[in-house]
PDB file of all heavy atoms in Angstrom:
ATOM      1  N   TYR A   1     -18.314 -60.147 -13.594  1.00  0.00           N
ATOM      2  CA  TYR A   1     -17.214 -59.185 -13.495  1.00  0.00           C
ATOM      3  C   TYR A   1     -16.052 -59.652 -14.369  1.00  0.00           C
ATOM      4  O   TYR A   1     -15.473 -58.870 -15.135  1.00  0.00           O
ATOM      5  CB  TYR A   1     -16.784 -59.036 -12.040  1.00  0.00           C
ATOM      6  CG  TYR A   1     -15.625 -58.100 -11.816  1.00  0.00           C
ATOM      7  CD1 TYR A   1     -15.815 -56.727 -11.793  1.00  0.00           C
ATOM      8  CD2 TYR A   1     -14.335 -58.586 -11.633  1.00  0.00           C
ATOM      9  CE1 TYR A   1     -14.758 -55.857 -11.591  1.00  0.00           C
ATOM     10  CE2 TYR A   1     -13.271 -57.735 -11.425  1.00  0.00           C
ATOM     11  CZ  TYR A   1     -13.490 -56.369 -11.393  1.00  0.00           C
ATOM     12  OH  TYR A   1     -12.422 -55.512 -11.201  1.00  0.00           O
ATOM     13  N   SER A   2     -15.714 -60.940 -14.277  1.00  0.00           N
ATOM     14  CA  SER A   2     -14.638 -61.510 -15.087  1.00  0.00           C
ATOM     15  C   SER A   2     -14.919 -61.341 -16.576  1.00  0.00           C
ATOM     16  O   SER A   2     -14.035 -60.937 -17.343  1.00  0.00           O
ATOM     17  CB  SER A   2     -14.462 -62.992 -14.734  1.00  0.00           C
ATOM     18  OG  SER A   2     -13.510 -63.601 -15.558  1.00  0.00           O
ATOM     19  N   ILE A   3     -16.139 -61.634 -16.996  1.00  0.00           N
ATOM     20  CA  ILE A   3     -16.522 -61.467 -18.410  1.00  0.00           C
ATOM     21  C   ILE A   3     -16.328 -60.027 -18.843  1.00  0.00           C
ATOM     22  O   ILE A   3     -15.784 -59.756 -19.920  1.00  0.00           O
ATOM     23  CB  ILE A   3     -17.981 -61.917 -18.625  1.00  0.00           C
ATOM     24  CG1 ILE A   3     -18.105 -63.435 -18.463  1.00  0.00           C
ATOM     25  CG2 ILE A   3     -18.502 -61.466 -19.999  1.00  0.00           C
ATOM     26  CD1 ILE A   3     -19.543 -63.917 -18.355  1.00  0.00           C
ATOM     27  N   SER A   4     -16.739 -59.080 -18.007  1.00  0.00           N
ATOM     28  CA  SER A   4     -16.617 -57.663 -18.383  1.00  0.00           C
ATOM     29  C   SER A   4     -15.158 -57.250 -18.523  1.00  0.00           C
ATOM     30  O   SER A   4     -14.797 -56.483 -19.420  1.00  0.00           O
ATOM     31  CB  SER A   4     -17.339 -56.771 -17.364  1.00  0.00           C
ATOM     32  OG  SER A   4     -16.640 -56.686 -16.128  1.00  0.00           O
ATOM     33  N   LYS A   5     -14.301 -57.767 -17.665  1.00  0.00           N
ATOM     34  CA  LYS A   5     -12.887 -57.406 -17.723  1.00  0.00           C
ATOM     35  C   LYS A   5     -12.182 -58.091 -18.890  1.00  0.00           C
ATOM     36  O   LYS A   5     -11.235 -57.544 -19.459  1.00  0.00           O
ATOM     37  CB  LYS A   5     -12.203 -57.702 -16.384  1.00  0.00           C
ATOM     38  CG  LYS A   5     -12.730 -56.809 -15.258  1.00  0.00           C
ATOM     39  CD  LYS A   5     -12.570 -55.334 -15.612  1.00  0.00           C
ATOM     40  CE  LYS A   5     -12.975 -54.387 -14.544  1.00  0.00           C
ATOM     41  NZ  LYS A   5     -12.672 -52.972 -14.872  1.00  0.00           N
ATOM     42  N   THR A   6     -12.643 -59.285 -19.280  1.00  0.00           N
ATOM     43  CA  THR A   6     -12.137 -59.938 -20.489  1.00  0.00           C
ATOM     44  C   THR A   6     -12.560 -59.141 -21.718  1.00  0.00           C
ATOM     45  O   THR A   6     -11.772 -58.960 -22.654  1.00  0.00           O
ATOM     46  CB  THR A   6     -12.641 -61.389 -20.575  1.00  0.00           C
ATOM     47  OG1 THR A   6     -12.231 -62.092 -19.404  1.00  0.00           O
ATOM     48  CG2 THR A   6     -12.095 -62.091 -21.802  1.00  0.00           C
ATOM     49  N   ALA A   7     -13.782 -58.638 -21.712  1.00  0.00           N
ATOM     50  CA  ALA A   7     -14.258 -57.798 -22.818  1.00  0.00           C
ATOM     51  C   ALA A   7     -13.412 -56.533 -22.938  1.00  0.00           C
ATOM     52  O   ALA A   7     -13.108 -56.083 -24.055  1.00  0.00           O
ATOM     53  CB  ALA A   7     -15.732 -57.444 -22.624  1.00  0.00           C
ATOM     54  N   ASP A   8     -13.014 -55.962 -21.811  1.00  0.00           N
ATOM     55  CA  ASP A   8     -12.137 -54.783 -21.855  1.00  0.00           C
ATOM     56  C   ASP A   8     -10.821 -55.107 -22.561  1.00  0.00           C
ATOM     57  O   ASP A   8     -10.300 -54.293 -23.326  1.00  0.00           O
ATOM     58  CB  ASP A   8     -11.839 -54.271 -20.440  1.00  0.00           C
ATOM     59  CG  ASP A   8     -12.974 -53.463 -19.840  1.00  0.00           C
ATOM     60  OD1 ASP A   8     -13.775 -52.877 -20.593  1.00  0.00           O
ATOM     61  OD2 ASP A   8     -13.045 -53.400 -18.594  1.00  0.00           O
ATOM     62  N   ILE A   9     -10.280 -56.295 -22.328  1.00  0.00           N
ATOM     63  CA  ILE A   9      -9.038 -56.695 -22.988  1.00  0.00           C
ATOM     64  C   ILE A   9      -9.264 -56.806 -24.498  1.00  0.00           C
ATOM     65  O   ILE A   9      -8.424 -56.374 -25.291  1.00  0.00           O
ATOM     66  CB  ILE A   9      -8.479 -57.995 -22.382  1.00  0.00           C
ATOM     67  CG1 ILE A   9      -8.060 -57.745 -20.929  1.00  0.00           C
ATOM     68  CG2 ILE A   9      -7.300 -58.537 -23.205  1.00  0.00           C
ATOM     69  CD1 ILE A   9      -7.731 -59.004 -20.136  1.00  0.00           C
ATOM     70  N   GLY A  10     -10.390 -57.345 -24.910  1.00  0.00           N
ATOM     71  CA  GLY A  10     -10.723 -57.385 -26.334  1.00  0.00           C
ATOM     72  C   GLY A  10     -10.835 -55.996 -26.928  1.00  0.00           C
ATOM     73  O   GLY A  10     -10.397 -55.751 -28.058  1.00  0.00           O
ATOM     74  N   MET A  11     -11.415 -55.073 -26.183  1.00  0.00           N
ATOM     75  CA  MET A  11     -11.525 -53.689 -26.649  1.00  0.00           C
ATOM     76  C   MET A  11     -10.141 -53.063 -26.808  1.00  0.00           C
ATOM     77  O   MET A  11      -9.868 -52.374 -27.794  1.00  0.00           O
ATOM     78  CB  MET A  11     -12.367 -52.863 -25.667  1.00  0.00           C
ATOM     79  CG  MET A  11     -12.644 -51.457 -26.150  1.00  0.00           C
ATOM     80  SD  MET A  11     -13.549 -50.389 -24.987  1.00  0.00           S
ATOM     81  CE  MET A  11     -14.631 -51.499 -24.142  1.00  0.00           C
ATOM     82  N   ILE A  12      -9.270 -53.303 -25.849  1.00  0.00           N
ATOM     83  CA  ILE A  12      -7.901 -52.776 -25.908  1.00  0.00           C
ATOM     84  C   ILE A  12      -7.220 -53.246 -27.195  1.00  0.00           C
ATOM     85  O   ILE A  12      -6.650 -52.442 -27.943  1.00  0.00           O
ATOM     86  CB  ILE A  12      -7.095 -53.237 -24.666  1.00  0.00           C
ATOM     87  CG1 ILE A  12      -7.606 -52.534 -23.409  1.00  0.00           C
ATOM     88  CG2 ILE A  12      -5.596 -53.026 -24.864  1.00  0.00           C
ATOM     89  CD1 ILE A  12      -7.220 -53.226 -22.101  1.00  0.00           C
ATOM     90  N   ARG A  13      -7.290 -54.516 -27.474  1.00  0.00           N
ATOM     91  CA  ARG A  13      -6.606 -55.080 -28.646  1.00  0.00           C
ATOM     92  C   ARG A  13      -7.223 -54.578 -29.946  1.00  0.00           C
ATOM     93  O   ARG A  13      -6.508 -54.239 -30.889  1.00  0.00           O
ATOM     94  CB  ARG A  13      -6.634 -56.602 -28.568  1.00  0.00           C
ATOM     95  CG  ARG A  13      -5.775 -57.121 -27.423  1.00  0.00           C
ATOM     96  CD  ARG A  13      -5.880 -58.611 -27.252  1.00  0.00           C
ATOM     97  NE  ARG A  13      -4.977 -59.045 -26.185  1.00  0.00           N
ATOM     98  CZ  ARG A  13      -5.128 -60.155 -25.507  1.00  0.00           C
ATOM     99  NH1 ARG A  13      -6.129 -60.975 -25.784  1.00  0.00           N
ATOM    100  NH2 ARG A  13      -4.283 -60.479 -24.562  1.00  0.00           N
ATOM    101  N   SER A  14      -8.543 -54.524 -29.997  1.00  0.00           N
ATOM    102  CA  SER A  14      -9.210 -54.066 -31.224  1.00  0.00           C
ATOM    103  C   SER A  14      -8.949 -52.589 -31.484  1.00  0.00           C
ATOM    104  O   SER A  14      -8.669 -52.197 -32.624  1.00  0.00           O
ATOM    105  CB  SER A  14     -10.718 -54.327 -31.135  1.00  0.00           C
ATOM    106  OG  SER A  14     -10.956 -55.723 -31.104  1.00  0.00           O
ATOM    107  N   LEU A  15      -9.031 -51.763 -30.439  1.00  0.00           N
ATOM    108  CA  LEU A  15      -8.748 -50.341 -30.621  1.00  0.00           C
ATOM    109  C   LEU A  15      -7.291 -50.117 -31.011  1.00  0.00           C
ATOM    110  O   LEU A  15      -6.995 -49.232 -31.823  1.00  0.00           O
ATOM    111  CB  LEU A  15      -9.090 -49.546 -29.360  1.00  0.00           C
ATOM    112  CG  LEU A  15     -10.570 -49.326 -29.086  1.00  0.00           C
ATOM    113  CD1 LEU A  15     -10.763 -48.688 -27.713  1.00  0.00           C
ATOM    114  CD2 LEU A  15     -11.204 -48.456 -30.172  1.00  0.00           C
ATOM    115  N   ALA A  16      -6.375 -50.909 -30.467  1.00  0.00           N
ATOM    116  CA  ALA A  16      -4.963 -50.765 -30.836  1.00  0.00           C
ATOM    117  C   ALA A  16      -4.773 -51.020 -32.323  1.00  0.00           C
ATOM    118  O   ALA A  16      -4.031 -50.296 -33.001  1.00  0.00           O
ATOM    119  CB  ALA A  16      -4.096 -51.717 -30.010  1.00  0.00           C
ATOM    120  N   VAL A  17      -5.460 -52.033 -32.851  1.00  0.00           N
ATOM    121  CA  VAL A  17      -5.366 -52.340 -34.281  1.00  0.00           C
ATOM    122  C   VAL A  17      -5.980 -51.207 -35.107  1.00  0.00           C
ATOM    123  O   VAL A  17      -5.413 -50.774 -36.107  1.00  0.00           O
ATOM    124  CB  VAL A  17      -6.064 -53.695 -34.588  1.00  0.00           C
ATOM    125  CG1 VAL A  17      -6.192 -53.917 -36.086  1.00  0.00           C
ATOM    126  CG2 VAL A  17      -5.281 -54.840 -33.952  1.00  0.00           C
ATOM    127  N   GLU A  18      -7.118 -50.712 -34.686  1.00  0.00           N
ATOM    128  CA  GLU A  18      -7.808 -49.657 -35.425  1.00  0.00           C
ATOM    129  C   GLU A  18      -7.070 -48.322 -35.385  1.00  0.00           C
ATOM    130  O   GLU A  18      -7.102 -47.564 -36.356  1.00  0.00           O
ATOM    131  CB  GLU A  18      -9.218 -49.440 -34.858  1.00  0.00           C
ATOM    132  CG  GLU A  18     -10.173 -50.582 -35.111  1.00  0.00           C
ATOM    133  CD  GLU A  18     -11.558 -50.330 -34.494  1.00  0.00           C
ATOM    134  OE1 GLU A  18     -11.848 -49.184 -34.080  1.00  0.00           O
ATOM    135  OE2 GLU A  18     -12.334 -51.300 -34.434  1.00  0.00           O
ATOM    136  N   LEU A  19      -6.434 -48.008 -34.271  1.00  0.00           N
ATOM    137  CA  LEU A  19      -5.915 -46.656 -34.060  1.00  0.00           C
ATOM    138  C   LEU A  19      -4.412 -46.516 -34.257  1.00  0.00           C
ATOM    139  O   LEU A  19      -3.893 -45.404 -34.247  1.00  0.00           O
ATOM    140  CB  LEU A  19      -6.295 -46.170 -32.658  1.00  0.00           C
ATOM    141  CG  LEU A  19      -7.807 -46.105 -32.390  1.00  0.00           C
ATOM    142  CD1 LEU A  19      -8.079 -45.741 -30.940  1.00  0.00           C
ATOM    143  CD2 LEU A  19      -8.465 -45.115 -33.337  1.00  0.00           C
ATOM    144  N   GLY A  20      -3.709 -47.623 -34.451  1.00  0.00           N
ATOM    145  CA  GLY A  20      -2.265 -47.543 -34.639  1.00  0.00           C
ATOM    146  C   GLY A  20      -1.863 -46.627 -35.780  1.00  0.00           C
ATOM    147  O   GLY A  20      -0.891 -45.878 -35.673  1.00  0.00           O
ATOM    148  N   LYS A  21      -2.613 -46.662 -36.872  1.00  0.00           N
ATOM    149  CA  LYS A  21      -2.283 -45.824 -38.033  1.00  0.00           C
ATOM    150  C   LYS A  21      -2.384 -44.325 -37.730  1.00  0.00           C
ATOM    151  O   LYS A  21      -1.872 -43.501 -38.470  1.00  0.00           O
ATOM    152  CB  LYS A  21      -3.164 -46.190 -39.225  1.00  0.00           C
ATOM    153  CG  LYS A  21      -4.639 -45.986 -39.017  1.00  0.00           C
ATOM    154  CD  LYS A  21      -5.427 -46.486 -40.245  1.00  0.00           C
ATOM    155  CE  LYS A  21      -6.902 -46.621 -39.957  1.00  0.00           C
ATOM    156  NZ  LYS A  21      -7.306 -47.956 -39.577  1.00  0.00           N
ATOM    157  N   PHE A  22      -3.026 -43.986 -36.610  1.00  0.00           N
ATOM    158  CA  PHE A  22      -3.127 -42.580 -36.204  1.00  0.00           C
ATOM    159  C   PHE A  22      -2.124 -42.239 -35.105  1.00  0.00           C
ATOM    160  O   PHE A  22      -2.216 -41.186 -34.477  1.00  0.00           O
ATOM    161  CB  PHE A  22      -4.547 -42.272 -35.710  1.00  0.00           C
ATOM    162  CG  PHE A  22      -5.606 -42.556 -36.728  1.00  0.00           C
ATOM    163  CD1 PHE A  22      -6.469 -43.627 -36.576  1.00  0.00           C
ATOM    164  CD2 PHE A  22      -5.732 -41.761 -37.866  1.00  0.00           C
ATOM    165  CE1 PHE A  22      -7.444 -43.901 -37.519  1.00  0.00           C
ATOM    166  CE2 PHE A  22      -6.704 -42.030 -38.818  1.00  0.00           C
ATOM    167  CZ  PHE A  22      -7.561 -43.100 -38.644  1.00  0.00           C
ATOM    168  N   ASN A  23      -1.162 -43.158 -34.868  1.00  0.00           N
ATOM    169  CA  ASN A  23      -0.142 -42.971 -33.836  1.00  0.00           C
ATOM    170  C   ASN A  23      -0.774 -42.873 -32.443  1.00  0.00           C
ATOM    171  O   ASN A  23      -0.331 -42.109 -31.594  1.00  0.00           O
ATOM    172  CB  ASN A  23       0.720 -41.732 -34.135  1.00  0.00           C
ATOM    173  CG  ASN A  23       2.017 -41.752 -33.361  1.00  0.00           C
ATOM    174  OD1 ASN A  23       2.566 -42.801 -33.051  1.00  0.00           O
ATOM    175  ND2 ASN A  23       2.493 -40.566 -33.015  1.00  0.00           N
ATOM    176  N   ILE A  24      -1.827 -43.672 -32.253  1.00  0.00           N
ATOM    177  CA  ILE A  24      -2.496 -43.740 -30.954  1.00  0.00           C
ATOM    178  C   ILE A  24      -2.235 -45.120 -30.358  1.00  0.00           C
ATOM    179  O   ILE A  24      -2.538 -46.132 -30.988  1.00  0.00           O
ATOM    180  CB  ILE A  24      -4.010 -43.486 -31.095  1.00  0.00           C
ATOM    181  CG1 ILE A  24      -4.271 -42.083 -31.675  1.00  0.00           C
ATOM    182  CG2 ILE A  24      -4.713 -43.656 -29.741  1.00  0.00           C
ATOM    183  CD1 ILE A  24      -5.717 -41.844 -32.067  1.00  0.00           C
ATOM    184  N   ASN A  25      -1.650 -45.135 -29.196  1.00  0.00           N
ATOM    185  CA  ASN A  25      -1.370 -46.381 -28.485  1.00  0.00           C
ATOM    186  C   ASN A  25      -2.546 -46.692 -27.565  1.00  0.00           C
ATOM    187  O   ASN A  25      -3.076 -45.797 -26.905  1.00  0.00           O
ATOM    188  CB  ASN A  25      -0.108 -46.247 -27.629  1.00  0.00           C
ATOM    189  CG  ASN A  25       1.108 -45.941 -28.439  1.00  0.00           C
ATOM    190  OD1 ASN A  25       1.144 -44.952 -29.151  1.00  0.00           O
ATOM    191  ND2 ASN A  25       2.114 -46.767 -28.328  1.00  0.00           N
ATOM    192  N   VAL A  26      -2.934 -47.958 -27.529  1.00  0.00           N
ATOM    193  CA  VAL A  26      -4.010 -48.396 -26.641  1.00  0.00           C
ATOM    194  C   VAL A  26      -3.498 -49.601 -25.859  1.00  0.00           C
ATOM    195  O   VAL A  26      -3.097 -50.598 -26.442  1.00  0.00           O
ATOM    196  CB  VAL A  26      -5.283 -48.784 -27.429  1.00  0.00           C
ATOM    197  CG1 VAL A  26      -6.415 -49.120 -26.468  1.00  0.00           C
ATOM    198  CG2 VAL A  26      -5.699 -47.672 -28.393  1.00  0.00           C
ATOM    199  N   ASN A  27      -3.512 -49.478 -24.549  1.00  0.00           N
ATOM    200  CA  ASN A  27      -3.024 -50.541 -23.680  1.00  0.00           C
ATOM    201  C   ASN A  27      -3.916 -50.654 -22.457  1.00  0.00           C
ATOM    202  O   ASN A  27      -4.815 -49.836 -22.256  1.00  0.00           O
ATOM    203  CB  ASN A  27      -1.581 -50.254 -23.244  1.00  0.00           C
ATOM    204  CG  ASN A  27      -0.613 -50.362 -24.394  1.00  0.00           C
ATOM    205  OD1 ASN A  27      -0.386 -51.452 -24.922  1.00  0.00           O
ATOM    206  ND2 ASN A  27      -0.044 -49.244 -24.813  1.00  0.00           N
ATOM    207  N   GLY A  28      -3.635 -51.652 -21.656  1.00  0.00           N
ATOM    208  CA  GLY A  28      -4.448 -51.862 -20.470  1.00  0.00           C
ATOM    209  C   GLY A  28      -3.627 -52.242 -19.266  1.00  0.00           C
ATOM    210  O   GLY A  28      -2.471 -52.646 -19.367  1.00  0.00           O
TER     211      GLY A  28
END
C-alpha cells in the first residue's frame, strides 16, 4: 500500500511537469 501511494506522488510530480505548459495544475 505504501509503495502504491509513493508511486502516486511520483505521478503527481511528473504530470505537473508535463502539463504545466497547458495551464493544468496537478497536486495531491
